[in-house]
Amino acid sequence: CGTGIGMSISANKVMGIRCALVHDV
């Protein structure tokens, strides 16, 4: 999305998800 912040916060509310917001290799 625009920043990835809201998407990562939302995804991490799901049990078992380890969502990482990444902007570098």
mmCIF file of all heavy atoms, coordinates in Angstrom:
data_MODEL
# 
_entry.id   MODEL 
# 
loop_
_atom_site.group_PDB 
_atom_site.id 
_atom_site.type_symbol 
_atom_site.label_atom_id 
_atom_site.label_alt_id 
_atom_site.label_comp_id 
_atom_site.label_asym_id 
_atom_site.label_entity_id 
_atom_site.label_seq_id 
_atom_site.pdbx_PDB_ins_code 
_atom_site.Cartn_x 
_atom_site.Cartn_y 
_atom_site.Cartn_z 
_atom_site.occupancy 
_atom_site.B_iso_or_equiv 
_atom_site.pdbx_formal_charge 
_atom_site.auth_seq_id 
_atom_site.auth_comp_id 
_atom_site.auth_asym_id 
_atom_site.auth_atom_id 
_atom_site.pdbx_PDB_model_num 
ATOM 1   N N   . CYS A 1 1  ? 0.870  -1.177  0.000  1.00 0.00 ? 1  CYS A N   1 
ATOM 2   C CA  . CYS A 1 1  ? 0.000  0.000   0.000  1.00 0.00 ? 1  CYS A CA  1 
ATOM 3   C C   . CYS A 1 1  ? 0.908  1.228   0.000  1.00 0.00 ? 1  CYS A C   1 
ATOM 4   O O   . CYS A 1 1  ? 2.071  1.133   -0.356 1.00 0.00 ? 1  CYS A O   1 
ATOM 5   C CB  . CYS A 1 1  ? -0.971 -0.013  1.173  1.00 0.00 ? 1  CYS A CB  1 
ATOM 6   S SG  . CYS A 1 1  ? -0.195 0.137   2.790  1.00 0.00 ? 1  CYS A SG  1 
ATOM 7   N N   . GLY A 1 2  ? 0.402  2.357   0.412  1.00 0.00 ? 2  GLY A N   1 
ATOM 8   C CA  . GLY A 1 2  ? 1.197  3.583   0.379  1.00 0.00 ? 2  GLY A CA  1 
ATOM 9   C C   . GLY A 1 2  ? 2.449  3.508   1.223  1.00 0.00 ? 2  GLY A C   1 
ATOM 10  O O   . GLY A 1 2  ? 3.552  3.765   0.745  1.00 0.00 ? 2  GLY A O   1 
ATOM 11  N N   . THR A 1 3  ? 2.301  3.138   2.497  1.00 0.00 ? 3  THR A N   1 
ATOM 12  C CA  . THR A 1 3  ? 3.455  3.036   3.392  1.00 0.00 ? 3  THR A CA  1 
ATOM 13  C C   . THR A 1 3  ? 3.717  1.613   3.867  1.00 0.00 ? 3  THR A C   1 
ATOM 14  O O   . THR A 1 3  ? 4.811  1.308   4.329  1.00 0.00 ? 3  THR A O   1 
ATOM 15  C CB  . THR A 1 3  ? 3.271  3.907   4.652  1.00 0.00 ? 3  THR A CB  1 
ATOM 16  O OG1 . THR A 1 3  ? 2.159  3.399   5.398  1.00 0.00 ? 3  THR A OG1 1 
ATOM 17  C CG2 . THR A 1 3  ? 3.068  5.374   4.288  1.00 0.00 ? 3  THR A CG2 1 
ATOM 18  N N   . GLY A 1 4  ? 2.722  0.755   3.816  1.00 0.00 ? 4  GLY A N   1 
ATOM 19  C CA  . GLY A 1 4  ? 2.838  -0.605  4.327  1.00 0.00 ? 4  GLY A CA  1 
ATOM 20  C C   . GLY A 1 4  ? 2.537  -0.706  5.811  1.00 0.00 ? 4  GLY A C   1 
ATOM 21  O O   . GLY A 1 4  ? 2.382  -1.806  6.346  1.00 0.00 ? 4  GLY A O   1 
ATOM 22  N N   . ILE A 1 5  ? 2.415  0.408   6.493  1.00 0.00 ? 5  ILE A N   1 
ATOM 23  C CA  . ILE A 1 5  ? 2.247  0.407   7.945  1.00 0.00 ? 5  ILE A CA  1 
ATOM 24  C C   . ILE A 1 5  ? 0.902  -0.192  8.359  1.00 0.00 ? 5  ILE A C   1 
ATOM 25  O O   . ILE A 1 5  ? 0.841  -1.132  9.159  1.00 0.00 ? 5  ILE A O   1 
ATOM 26  C CB  . ILE A 1 5  ? 2.422  1.826   8.518  1.00 0.00 ? 5  ILE A CB  1 
ATOM 27  C CG1 . ILE A 1 5  ? 3.840  2.326   8.269  1.00 0.00 ? 5  ILE A CG1 1 
ATOM 28  C CG2 . ILE A 1 5  ? 2.097  1.849   10.016 1.00 0.00 ? 5  ILE A CG2 1 
ATOM 29  C CD1 . ILE A 1 5  ? 4.029  3.821   8.530  1.00 0.00 ? 5  ILE A CD1 1 
ATOM 30  N N   . GLY A 1 6  ? -0.181 0.345   7.831  1.00 0.00 ? 6  GLY A N   1 
ATOM 31  C CA  . GLY A 1 6  ? -1.510 -0.149  8.198  1.00 0.00 ? 6  GLY A CA  1 
ATOM 32  C C   . GLY A 1 6  ? -1.719 -1.593  7.819  1.00 0.00 ? 6  GLY A C   1 
ATOM 33  O O   . GLY A 1 6  ? -2.331 -2.369  8.564  1.00 0.00 ? 6  GLY A O   1 
ATOM 34  N N   . MET A 1 7  ? -1.192 -1.980  6.670  1.00 0.00 ? 7  MET A N   1 
ATOM 35  C CA  . MET A 1 7  ? -1.325 -3.370  6.224  1.00 0.00 ? 7  MET A CA  1 
ATOM 36  C C   . MET A 1 7  ? -0.580 -4.303  7.177  1.00 0.00 ? 7  MET A C   1 
ATOM 37  O O   . MET A 1 7  ? -1.094 -5.360  7.543  1.00 0.00 ? 7  MET A O   1 
ATOM 38  C CB  . MET A 1 7  ? -0.777 -3.520  4.802  1.00 0.00 ? 7  MET A CB  1 
ATOM 39  C CG  . MET A 1 7  ? -1.553 -2.745  3.760  1.00 0.00 ? 7  MET A CG  1 
ATOM 40  S SD  . MET A 1 7  ? -3.047 -3.560  3.246  1.00 0.00 ? 7  MET A SD  1 
ATOM 41  C CE  . MET A 1 7  ? -2.481 -4.294  1.721  1.00 0.00 ? 7  MET A CE  1 
ATOM 42  N N   . SER A 1 8  ? 0.621  -3.917  7.583  1.00 0.00 ? 8  SER A N   1 
ATOM 43  C CA  . SER A 1 8  ? 1.393  -4.791  8.470  1.00 0.00 ? 8  SER A CA  1 
ATOM 44  C C   . SER A 1 8  ? 0.747  -4.897  9.846  1.00 0.00 ? 8  SER A C   1 
ATOM 45  O O   . SER A 1 8  ? 0.693  -5.975  10.430 1.00 0.00 ? 8  SER A O   1 
ATOM 46  C CB  . SER A 1 8  ? 2.846  -4.332  8.574  1.00 0.00 ? 8  SER A CB  1 
ATOM 47  O OG  . SER A 1 8  ? 2.952  -3.064  9.176  1.00 0.00 ? 8  SER A OG  1 
ATOM 48  N N   . ILE A 1 9  ? 0.245  -3.777  10.362 1.00 0.00 ? 9  ILE A N   1 
ATOM 49  C CA  . ILE A 1 9  ? -0.437 -3.815  11.662 1.00 0.00 ? 9  ILE A CA  1 
ATOM 50  C C   . ILE A 1 9  ? -1.651 -4.729  11.587 1.00 0.00 ? 9  ILE A C   1 
ATOM 51  O O   . ILE A 1 9  ? -1.875 -5.572  12.466 1.00 0.00 ? 9  ILE A O   1 
ATOM 52  C CB  . ILE A 1 9  ? -0.838 -2.397  12.114 1.00 0.00 ? 9  ILE A CB  1 
ATOM 53  C CG1 . ILE A 1 9  ? 0.401  -1.576  12.455 1.00 0.00 ? 9  ILE A CG1 1 
ATOM 54  C CG2 . ILE A 1 9  ? -1.809 -2.448  13.289 1.00 0.00 ? 9  ILE A CG2 1 
ATOM 55  C CD1 . ILE A 1 9  ? 0.129  -0.093  12.671 1.00 0.00 ? 9  ILE A CD1 1 
ATOM 56  N N   . SER A 1 10 ? -2.441 -4.585  10.532 1.00 0.00 ? 10 SER A N   1 
ATOM 57  C CA  . SER A 1 10 ? -3.654 -5.404  10.368 1.00 0.00 ? 10 SER A CA  1 
ATOM 58  C C   . SER A 1 10 ? -3.308 -6.886  10.250 1.00 0.00 ? 10 SER A C   1 
ATOM 59  O O   . SER A 1 10 ? -3.923 -7.729  10.910 1.00 0.00 ? 10 SER A O   1 
ATOM 60  C CB  . SER A 1 10 ? -4.430 -4.958  9.133  1.00 0.00 ? 10 SER A CB  1 
ATOM 61  O OG  . SER A 1 10 ? -4.864 -3.634  9.264  1.00 0.00 ? 10 SER A OG  1 
ATOM 62  N N   . ALA A 1 11 ? -2.341 -7.209  9.409  1.00 0.00 ? 11 ALA A N   1 
ATOM 63  C CA  . ALA A 1 11 ? -1.970 -8.614  9.198  1.00 0.00 ? 11 ALA A CA  1 
ATOM 64  C C   . ALA A 1 11 ? -1.486 -9.253  10.493 1.00 0.00 ? 11 ALA A C   1 
ATOM 65  O O   . ALA A 1 11 ? -1.792 -10.413 10.777 1.00 0.00 ? 11 ALA A O   1 
ATOM 66  C CB  . ALA A 1 11 ? -0.903 -8.720  8.115  1.00 0.00 ? 11 ALA A CB  1 
ATOM 67  N N   . ASN A 1 12 ? -0.754 -8.505  11.295 1.00 0.00 ? 12 ASN A N   1 
ATOM 68  C CA  . ASN A 1 12 ? -0.205 -9.055  12.532 1.00 0.00 ? 12 ASN A CA  1 
ATOM 69  C C   . ASN A 1 12 ? -1.252 -9.299  13.610 1.00 0.00 ? 12 ASN A C   1 
ATOM 70  O O   . ASN A 1 12 ? -0.939 -9.903  14.643 1.00 0.00 ? 12 ASN A O   1 
ATOM 71  C CB  . ASN A 1 12 ? 0.921  -8.164  13.059 1.00 0.00 ? 12 ASN A CB  1 
ATOM 72  C CG  . ASN A 1 12 ? 2.220  -8.459  12.354 1.00 0.00 ? 12 ASN A CG  1 
ATOM 73  O OD1 . ASN A 1 12 ? 2.555  -9.619  12.106 1.00 0.00 ? 12 ASN A OD1 1 
ATOM 74  N ND2 . ASN A 1 12 ? 2.955  -7.417  12.011 1.00 0.00 ? 12 ASN A ND2 1 
ATOM 75  N N   . LYS A 1 13 ? -2.485 -8.904  13.384 1.00 0.00 ? 13 LYS A N   1 
ATOM 76  C CA  . LYS A 1 13 ? -3.569 -9.220  14.318 1.00 0.00 ? 13 LYS A CA  1 
ATOM 77  C C   . LYS A 1 13 ? -4.061 -10.649 14.147 1.00 0.00 ? 13 LYS A C   1 
ATOM 78  O O   . LYS A 1 13 ? -4.780 -11.166 14.992 1.00 0.00 ? 13 LYS A O   1 
ATOM 79  C CB  . LYS A 1 13 ? -4.752 -8.246  14.136 1.00 0.00 ? 13 LYS A CB  1 
ATOM 80  C CG  . LYS A 1 13 ? -4.400 -6.801  14.420 1.00 0.00 ? 13 LYS A CG  1 
ATOM 81  C CD  . LYS A 1 13 ? -3.926 -6.605  15.849 1.00 0.00 ? 13 LYS A CD  1 
ATOM 82  C CE  . LYS A 1 13 ? -3.563 -5.163  16.107 1.00 0.00 ? 13 LYS A CE  1 
ATOM 83  N NZ  . LYS A 1 13 ? -2.976 -4.965  17.426 1.00 0.00 ? 13 LYS A NZ  1 
ATOM 84  N N   . VAL A 1 14 ? -3.681 -11.292 13.061 1.00 0.00 ? 14 VAL A N   1 
ATOM 85  C CA  . VAL A 1 14 ? -4.094 -12.665 12.789 1.00 0.00 ? 14 VAL A CA  1 
ATOM 86  C C   . VAL A 1 14 ? -3.098 -13.619 13.444 1.00 0.00 ? 14 VAL A C   1 
ATOM 87  O O   . VAL A 1 14 ? -1.891 -13.528 13.210 1.00 0.00 ? 14 VAL A O   1 
ATOM 88  C CB  . VAL A 1 14 ? -4.181 -12.923 11.263 1.00 0.00 ? 14 VAL A CB  1 
ATOM 89  C CG1 . VAL A 1 14 ? -4.526 -14.376 10.979 1.00 0.00 ? 14 VAL A CG1 1 
ATOM 90  C CG2 . VAL A 1 14 ? -5.197 -11.988 10.627 1.00 0.00 ? 14 VAL A CG2 1 
ATOM 91  N N   . MET A 1 15 ? -3.619 -14.517 14.259 1.00 0.00 ? 15 MET A N   1 
ATOM 92  C CA  . MET A 1 15 ? -2.765 -15.466 14.978 1.00 0.00 ? 15 MET A CA  1 
ATOM 93  C C   . MET A 1 15 ? -1.932 -16.285 13.998 1.00 0.00 ? 15 MET A C   1 
ATOM 94  O O   . MET A 1 15 ? -2.440 -16.797 13.011 1.00 0.00 ? 15 MET A O   1 
ATOM 95  C CB  . MET A 1 15 ? -3.625 -16.396 15.833 1.00 0.00 ? 15 MET A CB  1 
ATOM 96  C CG  . MET A 1 15 ? -2.816 -17.252 16.767 1.00 0.00 ? 15 MET A CG  1 
ATOM 97  S SD  . MET A 1 15 ? -3.891 -17.984 18.000 1.00 0.00 ? 15 MET A SD  1 
ATOM 98  C CE  . MET A 1 15 ? -3.362 -19.664 17.926 1.00 0.00 ? 15 MET A CE  1 
ATOM 99  N N   . GLY A 1 16 ? -0.656 -16.372 14.280 1.00 0.00 ? 16 GLY A N   1 
ATOM 100 C CA  . GLY A 1 16 ? 0.256  -17.152 13.452 1.00 0.00 ? 16 GLY A CA  1 
ATOM 101 C C   . GLY A 1 16 ? 0.934  -16.353 12.358 1.00 0.00 ? 16 GLY A C   1 
ATOM 102 O O   . GLY A 1 16 ? 1.798  -16.871 11.660 1.00 0.00 ? 16 GLY A O   1 
ATOM 103 N N   . ILE A 1 17 ? 0.564  -15.102 12.225 1.00 0.00 ? 17 ILE A N   1 
ATOM 104 C CA  . ILE A 1 17 ? 1.173  -14.273 11.189 1.00 0.00 ? 17 ILE A CA  1 
ATOM 105 C C   . ILE A 1 17 ? 2.342  -13.503 11.768 1.00 0.00 ? 17 ILE A C   1 
ATOM 106 O O   . ILE A 1 17 ? 2.271  -12.945 12.854 1.00 0.00 ? 17 ILE A O   1 
ATOM 107 C CB  . ILE A 1 17 ? 0.134  -13.305 10.572 1.00 0.00 ? 17 ILE A CB  1 
ATOM 108 C CG1 . ILE A 1 17 ? -0.891 -14.108 9.780  1.00 0.00 ? 17 ILE A CG1 1 
ATOM 109 C CG2 . ILE A 1 17 ? 0.805  -12.261 9.684  1.00 0.00 ? 17 ILE A CG2 1 
ATOM 110 C CD1 . ILE A 1 17 ? -0.316 -14.952 8.642  1.00 0.00 ? 17 ILE A CD1 1 
ATOM 111 N N   . ARG A 1 18 ? 3.418  -13.521 11.014 1.00 0.00 ? 18 ARG A N   1 
ATOM 112 C CA  . ARG A 1 18 ? 4.600  -12.727 11.327 1.00 0.00 ? 18 ARG A CA  1 
ATOM 113 C C   . ARG A 1 18 ? 4.863  -11.848 10.112 1.00 0.00 ? 18 ARG A C   1 
ATOM 114 O O   . ARG A 1 18 ? 5.620  -12.204 9.217  1.00 0.00 ? 18 ARG A O   1 
ATOM 115 C CB  . ARG A 1 18 ? 5.781  -13.650 11.655 1.00 0.00 ? 18 ARG A CB  1 
ATOM 116 C CG  . ARG A 1 18 ? 5.575  -14.429 12.951 1.00 0.00 ? 18 ARG A CG  1 
ATOM 117 C CD  . ARG A 1 18 ? 6.652  -15.467 13.194 1.00 0.00 ? 18 ARG A CD  1 
ATOM 118 N NE  . ARG A 1 18 ? 6.798  -16.408 12.087 1.00 0.00 ? 18 ARG A NE  1 
ATOM 119 C CZ  . ARG A 1 18 ? 5.977  -17.429 11.847 1.00 0.00 ? 18 ARG A CZ  1 
ATOM 120 N NH1 . ARG A 1 18 ? 4.943  -17.667 12.635 1.00 0.00 ? 18 ARG A NH1 1 
ATOM 121 N NH2 . ARG A 1 18 ? 6.192  -18.222 10.818 1.00 0.00 ? 18 ARG A NH2 1 
ATOM 122 N N   . CYS A 1 19 ? 4.164  -10.729 10.086 1.00 0.00 ? 19 CYS A N   1 
ATOM 123 C CA  . CYS A 1 19 ? 4.273  -9.797  8.964  1.00 0.00 ? 19 CYS A CA  1 
ATOM 124 C C   . CYS A 1 19 ? 5.371  -8.793  9.263  1.00 0.00 ? 19 CYS A C   1 
ATOM 125 O O   . CYS A 1 19 ? 5.390  -8.165  10.318 1.00 0.00 ? 19 CYS A O   1 
ATOM 126 C CB  . CYS A 1 19 ? 2.950  -9.069  8.747  1.00 0.00 ? 19 CYS A CB  1 
ATOM 127 S SG  . CYS A 1 19 ? 3.012  -7.870  7.399  1.00 0.00 ? 19 CYS A SG  1 
ATOM 128 N N   . ALA A 1 20 ? 6.278  -8.649  8.320  1.00 0.00 ? 20 ALA A N   1 
ATOM 129 C CA  . ALA A 1 20 ? 7.387  -7.711  8.459  1.00 0.00 ? 20 ALA A CA  1 
ATOM 130 C C   . ALA A 1 20 ? 7.221  -6.568  7.461  1.00 0.00 ? 20 ALA A C   1 
ATOM 131 O O   . ALA A 1 20 ? 7.009  -6.805  6.271  1.00 0.00 ? 20 ALA A O   1 
ATOM 132 C CB  . ALA A 1 20 ? 8.708  -8.421  8.219  1.00 0.00 ? 20 ALA A CB  1 
ATOM 133 N N   . LEU A 1 21 ? 7.296  -5.355  7.965  1.00 0.00 ? 21 LEU A N   1 
ATOM 134 C CA  . LEU A 1 21 ? 7.309  -4.171  7.119  1.00 0.00 ? 21 LEU A CA  1 
ATOM 135 C C   . LEU A 1 21 ? 8.757  -3.928  6.722  1.00 0.00 ? 21 LEU A C   1 
ATOM 136 O O   . LEU A 1 21 ? 9.613  -3.667  7.575  1.00 0.00 ? 21 LEU A O   1 
ATOM 137 C CB  . LEU A 1 21 ? 6.743  -2.974  7.882  1.00 0.00 ? 21 LEU A CB  1 
ATOM 138 C CG  . LEU A 1 21 ? 6.785  -1.626  7.167  1.00 0.00 ? 21 LEU A CG  1 
ATOM 139 C CD1 . LEU A 1 21 ? 6.049  -1.673  5.842  1.00 0.00 ? 21 LEU A CD1 1 
ATOM 140 C CD2 . LEU A 1 21 ? 6.213  -0.547  8.074  1.00 0.00 ? 21 LEU A CD2 1 
ATOM 141 N N   . VAL A 1 22 ? 9.050  -4.040  5.440  1.00 0.00 ? 22 VAL A N   1 
ATOM 142 C CA  . VAL A 1 22 ? 10.429 -4.030  4.966  1.00 0.00 ? 22 VAL A CA  1 
ATOM 143 C C   . VAL A 1 22 ? 10.602 -3.004  3.848  1.00 0.00 ? 22 VAL A C   1 
ATOM 144 O O   . VAL A 1 22 ? 9.799  -2.957  2.917  1.00 0.00 ? 22 VAL A O   1 
ATOM 145 C CB  . VAL A 1 22 ? 10.830 -5.436  4.453  1.00 0.00 ? 22 VAL A CB  1 
ATOM 146 C CG1 . VAL A 1 22 ? 12.203 -5.417  3.823  1.00 0.00 ? 22 VAL A CG1 1 
ATOM 147 C CG2 . VAL A 1 22 ? 10.789 -6.451  5.584  1.00 0.00 ? 22 VAL A CG2 1 
ATOM 148 N N   . HIS A 1 23 ? 11.684 -2.232  3.967  1.00 0.00 ? 23 HIS A N   1 
ATOM 149 C CA  . HIS A 1 23 ? 12.013 -1.261  2.926  1.00 0.00 ? 23 HIS A CA  1 
ATOM 150 C C   . HIS A 1 23 ? 13.475 -1.321  2.515  1.00 0.00 ? 23 HIS A C   1 
ATOM 151 O O   . HIS A 1 23 ? 13.996 -0.380  1.915  1.00 0.00 ? 23 HIS A O   1 
ATOM 152 C CB  . HIS A 1 23 ? 11.634 0.154   3.389  1.00 0.00 ? 23 HIS A CB  1 
ATOM 153 C CG  . HIS A 1 23 ? 10.164 0.319   3.526  1.00 0.00 ? 23 HIS A CG  1 
ATOM 154 N ND1 . HIS A 1 23 ? 9.568  0.780   4.676  1.00 0.00 ? 23 HIS A ND1 1 
ATOM 155 C CD2 . HIS A 1 23 ? 9.155  0.056   2.672  1.00 0.00 ? 23 HIS A CD2 1 
ATOM 156 C CE1 . HIS A 1 23 ? 8.256  0.803   4.511  1.00 0.00 ? 23 HIS A CE1 1 
ATOM 157 N NE2 . HIS A 1 23 ? 7.986  0.362   3.312  1.00 0.00 ? 23 HIS A NE2 1 
ATOM 158 N N   . ASP A 1 24 ? 14.144 -2.439  2.850  1.00 0.00 ? 24 ASP A N   1 
ATOM 159 C CA  . ASP A 1 24 ? 15.535 -2.633  2.414  1.00 0.00 ? 24 ASP A CA  1 
ATOM 160 C C   . ASP A 1 24 ? 15.818 -4.124  2.299  1.00 0.00 ? 24 ASP A C   1 
ATOM 161 O O   . ASP A 1 24 ? 15.136 -4.946  2.916  1.00 0.00 ? 24 ASP A O   1 
ATOM 162 C CB  . ASP A 1 24 ? 16.519 -1.948  3.373  1.00 0.00 ? 24 ASP A CB  1 
ATOM 163 C CG  . ASP A 1 24 ? 16.485 -2.555  4.756  1.00 0.00 ? 24 ASP A CG  1 
ATOM 164 O OD1 . ASP A 1 24 ? 17.199 -3.552  4.985  1.00 0.00 ? 24 ASP A OD1 1 
ATOM 165 O OD2 . ASP A 1 24 ? 15.726 -2.057  5.612  1.00 0.00 ? 24 ASP A OD2 1 
ATOM 166 N N   . VAL A 1 25 ? 16.801 -4.473  1.517  1.00 0.00 ? 25 VAL A N   1 
ATOM 167 C CA  . VAL A 1 25 ? 17.121 -5.865  1.222  1.00 0.00 ? 25 VAL A CA  1 
ATOM 168 C C   . VAL A 1 25 ? 17.651 -6.605  2.455  1.00 0.00 ? 25 VAL A C   1 
ATOM 169 O O   . VAL A 1 25 ? 17.299 -7.760  2.697  1.00 0.00 ? 25 VAL A O   1 
ATOM 170 C CB  . VAL A 1 25 ? 18.123 -5.959  0.045  1.00 0.00 ? 25 VAL A CB  1 
ATOM 171 C CG1 . VAL A 1 25 ? 18.574 -7.388  -0.191 1.00 0.00 ? 25 VAL A CG1 1 
ATOM 172 C CG2 . VAL A 1 25 ? 17.497 -5.383  -1.221 1.00 0.00 ? 25 VAL A CG2 1 
# 
